[in-house]
Protein backbone atom coordinates (compact mmCIF):
# COMPACT_ATOMS: atom_id res chain seq x y z
CA THR A 1 8.88 -9.21 -31.75
CA ASP A 2 9.71 -12.31 -29.73
CA SER A 3 13.28 -12.45 -31.04
CA LEU A 4 13.96 -8.84 -30.10
CA ASN A 5 12.49 -9.32 -26.63
CA ALA A 6 14.60 -12.46 -26.11
CA LEU A 7 17.75 -10.62 -27.16
CA LEU A 8 17.02 -7.63 -24.90
CA SER A 9 16.23 -9.96 -21.99
CA TYR A 10 19.47 -11.86 -22.49
CA MET A 11 21.49 -8.64 -22.70
CA SER A 12 19.88 -7.35 -19.52
CA THR A 13 20.53 -10.59 -17.64
CA ALA A 14 24.13 -10.77 -18.86
CA GLY A 15 24.80 -7.08 -18.14
CA ILE A 16 25.50 -6.34 -21.79
CA THR A 17 24.70 -2.76 -22.84
CA THR A 18 26.06 -2.74 -26.39
CA PHE A 19 25.24 -5.03 -29.29
CA VAL A 20 27.36 -5.00 -32.44
CA ALA A 21 26.42 -7.02 -35.51
CA SER A 22 26.63 -7.01 -39.28
CA THR A 23 24.44 -8.20 -42.09
CA ARG A 24 24.81 -9.30 -45.67
CA ILE A 25 21.36 -8.09 -46.64
CA ILE A 26 21.35 -5.82 -49.67
CA ILE A 27 18.39 -4.34 -51.47
CA ALA A 28 18.98 -4.77 -55.19
CA PRO A 29 16.81 -5.11 -58.31
CA GLY A 30 14.34 -7.90 -57.79
CA TYR A 31 13.72 -7.03 -54.14
CA LYS A 32 10.02 -6.60 -53.34
CA PHE A 33 9.20 -3.67 -51.07
CA HIS A 34 6.40 -4.42 -48.61
CA ILE A 35 6.13 -1.38 -46.36
CA VAL A 36 7.05 1.83 -48.19
CA SER A 37 5.35 3.30 -51.24
CA GLY A 38 7.56 6.35 -51.62
CA MET A 39 11.13 7.43 -50.96
CA VAL A 40 13.07 10.69 -50.88
CA THR A 41 16.74 10.17 -51.62
CA ASN A 42 19.70 11.95 -53.17
CA PHE A 43 21.23 11.17 -56.54
CA HIS A 44 23.90 8.54 -55.85
CA GLN A 45 27.22 7.59 -57.40
CA PRO A 46 27.39 4.90 -60.11
CA GLN A 47 28.06 1.39 -58.81
CA SER A 48 26.99 2.29 -55.26
CA THR A 49 24.70 0.18 -53.10
CA LEU A 50 22.40 3.19 -52.76
CA LEU A 51 21.95 3.26 -56.53
CA LEU A 52 20.99 -0.43 -56.29
CA LEU A 53 18.35 0.60 -53.75
CA VAL A 54 16.94 3.22 -56.17
CA SER A 55 16.97 0.75 -59.03
CA ALA A 56 15.17 -1.87 -56.93
CA PHE A 57 12.59 0.66 -55.77
CA ILE A 58 11.60 1.92 -59.22
CA GLY A 59 11.49 -1.68 -60.41
CA LYS A 60 11.89 -1.26 -64.15
CA LYS A 61 15.21 -2.22 -65.65
CA ASP A 62 17.36 0.78 -66.58
CA ASP A 63 14.72 3.41 -65.64
CA TRP A 64 17.22 4.81 -63.16
CA LYS A 65 19.48 5.61 -66.14
CA THR A 66 16.74 7.80 -67.65
CA MET A 67 16.27 9.63 -64.35
CA TYR A 68 19.99 10.13 -63.83
CA GLY A 69 20.44 11.21 -67.46
CA HIS A 70 17.85 13.94 -66.90
CA ALA A 71 19.65 14.99 -63.72
CA LEU A 72 23.03 15.19 -65.48
CA GLU A 73 21.64 17.11 -68.46
CA ASN A 74 19.99 19.66 -66.18
CA GLY A 75 22.86 20.31 -63.79
CA TYR A 76 21.47 18.56 -60.71
CA ARG A 77 23.94 18.19 -57.89
CA PHE A 78 24.89 14.70 -56.75
CA LEU A 79 25.94 13.19 -53.39
CA SER A 80 25.09 14.12 -49.81
CA TYR A 81 24.55 17.85 -50.28
CA GLY A 82 23.03 17.56 -53.72
CA ASP A 83 19.51 17.59 -55.08
CA ALA A 84 16.98 15.03 -53.93
CA GLN A 85 14.46 12.96 -55.83
CA LEU A 86 11.01 11.77 -54.81
CA LEU A 87 10.33 8.22 -55.93
CA LEU A 88 6.74 6.96 -55.89
């Protein structure tokens, strides 16, 4: 994009090799996905931003609770080395 090219050009001219920034963007329920139609992700901890991502992706209020209830009842493992879920 033009903005990215302008930033890279500026960094090159100024001799800057590292760019550090932060954002306040968060994907939460109500967010409309435009590019992806599927996602593979782990089962995440309650009140985490990753759980907000899952909730936003499936789109229906509280459907994530049904999915996570099934996972808990059936002994799925949670967190980084746990079981994964395919969301479509």
